[in-house]
C-alpha atoms as a PDB file:
ATOM      1  CA  MET A   1      44.244   3.837  26.186  1.00  0.00           C
ATOM      2  CA  LYS A   2      42.955   1.555  23.438  1.00  0.00           C
ATOM      3  CA  LYS A   3      39.366   2.074  22.281  1.00  0.00           C
ATOM      4  CA  SER A   4      37.124  -0.892  23.011  1.00  0.00           C
ATOM      5  CA  VAL A   5      33.825  -2.151  21.637  1.00  0.00           C
ATOM      6  CA  SER A   6      31.287  -4.876  22.242  1.00  0.00           C
ATOM      7  CA  LEU A   7      30.497  -6.710  19.033  1.00  0.00           C
ATOM      8  CA  VAL A   8      26.958  -7.862  18.162  1.00  0.00           C
ATOM      9  CA  LEU A   9      26.723  -9.960  14.988  1.00  0.00           C
ATOM     10  CA  GLY A  10      23.507 -10.879  13.188  1.00  0.00           C
ATOM     11  CA  SER A  11      22.357 -13.849  11.182  1.00  0.00           C
ATOM     12  CA  GLY A  12      22.283 -14.117   7.425  1.00  0.00           C
ATOM     13  CA  GLY A  13      23.664 -17.403   6.165  1.00  0.00           C
ATOM     14  CA  ALA A  14      26.474 -16.888   3.671  1.00  0.00           C
ATOM     15  CA  ARG A  15      26.136 -13.110   4.038  1.00  0.00           C
ATOM     16  CA  GLY A  16      27.396 -13.632   7.572  1.00  0.00           C
ATOM     17  CA  TYR A  17      30.875 -14.093   6.130  1.00  0.00           C
ATOM     18  CA  ALA A  18      30.942 -10.295   5.882  1.00  0.00           C
ATOM     19  CA  HIS A  19      31.360 -10.343   9.673  1.00  0.00           C
ATOM     20  CA  ILE A  20      34.912 -11.629   9.143  1.00  0.00           C
ATOM     21  CA  GLY A  21      35.840  -8.515   7.191  1.00  0.00           C
ATOM     22  CA  ALA A  22      34.090  -6.296   9.721  1.00  0.00           C
ATOM     23  CA  ILE A  23      36.081  -7.820  12.590  1.00  0.00           C
ATOM     24  CA  GLU A  24      39.332  -7.458  10.650  1.00  0.00           C
ATOM     25  CA  GLU A  25      38.577  -3.791   9.947  1.00  0.00           C
ATOM     26  CA  ILE A  26      37.627  -3.063  13.569  1.00  0.00           C
ATOM     27  CA  LEU A  27      40.942  -4.525  14.740  1.00  0.00           C
ATOM     28  CA  LYS A  28      42.895  -2.747  11.990  1.00  0.00           C
ATOM     29  CA  ARG A  29      41.489   0.567  13.207  1.00  0.00           C
ATOM     30  CA  GLY A  30      42.891  -0.070  16.675  1.00  0.00           C
ATOM     31  CA  TYR A  31      39.808  -1.170  18.589  1.00  0.00           C
ATOM     32  CA  LYS A  32      39.850  -3.895  21.227  1.00  0.00           C
ATOM     33  CA  ILE A  33      36.837  -6.224  21.147  1.00  0.00           C
ATOM     34  CA  ASP A  34      35.766  -6.764  24.775  1.00  0.00           C
ATOM     35  CA  ALA A  35      32.618  -8.832  24.218  1.00  0.00           C
ATOM     36  CA  VAL A  36      31.040 -10.766  21.353  1.00  0.00           C
ATOM     37  CA  SER A  37      27.479 -11.951  20.829  1.00  0.00           C
ATOM     38  CA  GLY A  38      25.630 -13.131  17.760  1.00  0.00           C
ATOM     39  CA  SER A  39      22.846 -15.178  16.287  1.00  0.00           C
ATOM     40  CA  SER A  40      23.104 -17.934  13.688  1.00  0.00           C
ATOM     41  CA  MET A  41      26.070 -17.210  11.404  1.00  0.00           C
ATOM     42  CA  GLY A  42      26.992 -14.256  13.607  1.00  0.00           C
ATOM     43  CA  ALA A  43      27.293 -16.611  16.584  1.00  0.00           C
ATOM     44  CA  LEU A  44      29.547 -18.927  14.580  1.00  0.00           C
ATOM     45  CA  ILE A  45      31.837 -16.117  13.405  1.00  0.00           C
ATOM     46  CA  GLY A  46      31.847 -14.466  16.841  1.00  0.00           C
ATOM     47  CA  GLY A  47      32.642 -17.764  18.541  1.00  0.00           C
ATOM     48  CA  LEU A  48      35.491 -18.463  16.146  1.00  0.00           C
ATOM     49  CA  TYR A  49      36.898 -14.992  16.808  1.00  0.00           C
ATOM     50  CA  ALA A  50      36.543 -15.432  20.582  1.00  0.00           C
ATOM     51  CA  CYS A  51      38.477 -18.719  20.574  1.00  0.00           C
ATOM     52  CA  GLY A  52      41.179 -17.414  18.236  1.00  0.00           C
ATOM     53  CA  LYS A  53      40.295 -19.563  15.218  1.00  0.00           C
ATOM     54  CA  LEU A  54      38.855 -16.943  12.847  1.00  0.00           C
ATOM     55  CA  LYS A  55      41.938 -16.783  10.608  1.00  0.00           C
ATOM     56  CA  GLU A  56      41.986 -20.570  10.111  1.00  0.00           C
ATOM     57  CA  TYR A  57      38.251 -20.611   9.375  1.00  0.00           C
ATOM     58  CA  LYS A  58      38.590 -17.809   6.829  1.00  0.00           C
ATOM     59  CA  GLU A  59      41.408 -19.676   5.071  1.00  0.00           C
ATOM     60  CA  TRP A  60      39.297 -22.877   4.967  1.00  0.00           C
ATOM     61  CA  VAL A  61      36.273 -21.038   3.553  1.00  0.00           C
ATOM     62  CA  LEU A  62      38.361 -19.310   0.881  1.00  0.00           C
ATOM     63  CA  GLU A  63      39.660 -22.705  -0.293  1.00  0.00           C
ATOM     64  CA  LEU A  64      36.160 -24.129  -0.875  1.00  0.00           C
ATOM     65  CA  ASP A  65      35.032 -24.530  -4.465  1.00  0.00           C
ATOM     66  CA  PHE A  66      31.471 -24.904  -5.749  1.00  0.00           C
ATOM     67  CA  LEU A  67      31.368 -28.696  -5.296  1.00  0.00           C
ATOM     68  CA  ASP A  68      32.726 -28.432  -1.744  1.00  0.00           C
ATOM     69  CA  VAL A  69      29.889 -26.046  -0.880  1.00  0.00           C
ATOM     70  CA  ILE A  70      27.281 -28.354  -2.446  1.00  0.00           C
ATOM     71  CA  LYS A  71      28.629 -31.268  -0.353  1.00  0.00           C
ATOM     72  CA  LEU A  72      28.086 -29.212   2.811  1.00  0.00           C
ATOM     73  CA  LEU A  73      24.400 -28.690   2.009  1.00  0.00           C
ATOM     74  CA  ASP A  74      21.689 -30.999   3.242  1.00  0.00           C
ATOM     75  CA  LEU A  75      19.079 -30.353   0.569  1.00  0.00           C
ATOM     76  CA  SER A  76      15.589 -31.807   0.645  1.00  0.00           C
ATOM     77  CA  PHE A  77      12.642 -31.254  -1.639  1.00  0.00           C
ATOM     78  CA  ALA A  78      10.042 -32.220   0.964  1.00  0.00           C
ATOM     79  CA  PRO A  79       7.061 -29.947   1.645  1.00  0.00           C
ATOM     80  CA  SER A  80       8.440 -29.263   5.135  1.00  0.00           C
ATOM     81  CA  GLY A  81      11.489 -27.371   3.827  1.00  0.00           C
ATOM     82  CA  LEU A  82      14.535 -27.283   1.591  1.00  0.00           C
ATOM     83  CA  ILE A  83      17.050 -28.331   4.238  1.00  0.00           C
ATOM     84  CA  LYS A  84      16.695 -31.524   6.293  1.00  0.00           C
ATOM     85  CA  GLY A  85      19.044 -30.520   9.078  1.00  0.00           C
ATOM     86  CA  ASP A  86      20.744 -33.920   9.355  1.00  0.00           C
ATOM     87  CA  LYS A  87      24.194 -32.405   8.722  1.00  0.00           C
ATOM     88  CA  LEU A  88      23.877 -29.815  11.476  1.00  0.00           C
END
């Protein structure tokens, strides 16, 4: 019988990419992931895993260079915050 786990992933912006490695290691050790939940970046990574697109997402992220990352940002220098949110 294969060991199974429920996966709960937290937030953390770019640090949330560590969830990809955690999922890969869990699977490598022979566990079956029965359920996934998460918040913020953890929800994104968990959702991508659940729909079978985590490998493609990881490959896309690894191809990004510094300018690609800057283009993804929605920076603002307004008193209300550093990110406008228009690109969400």
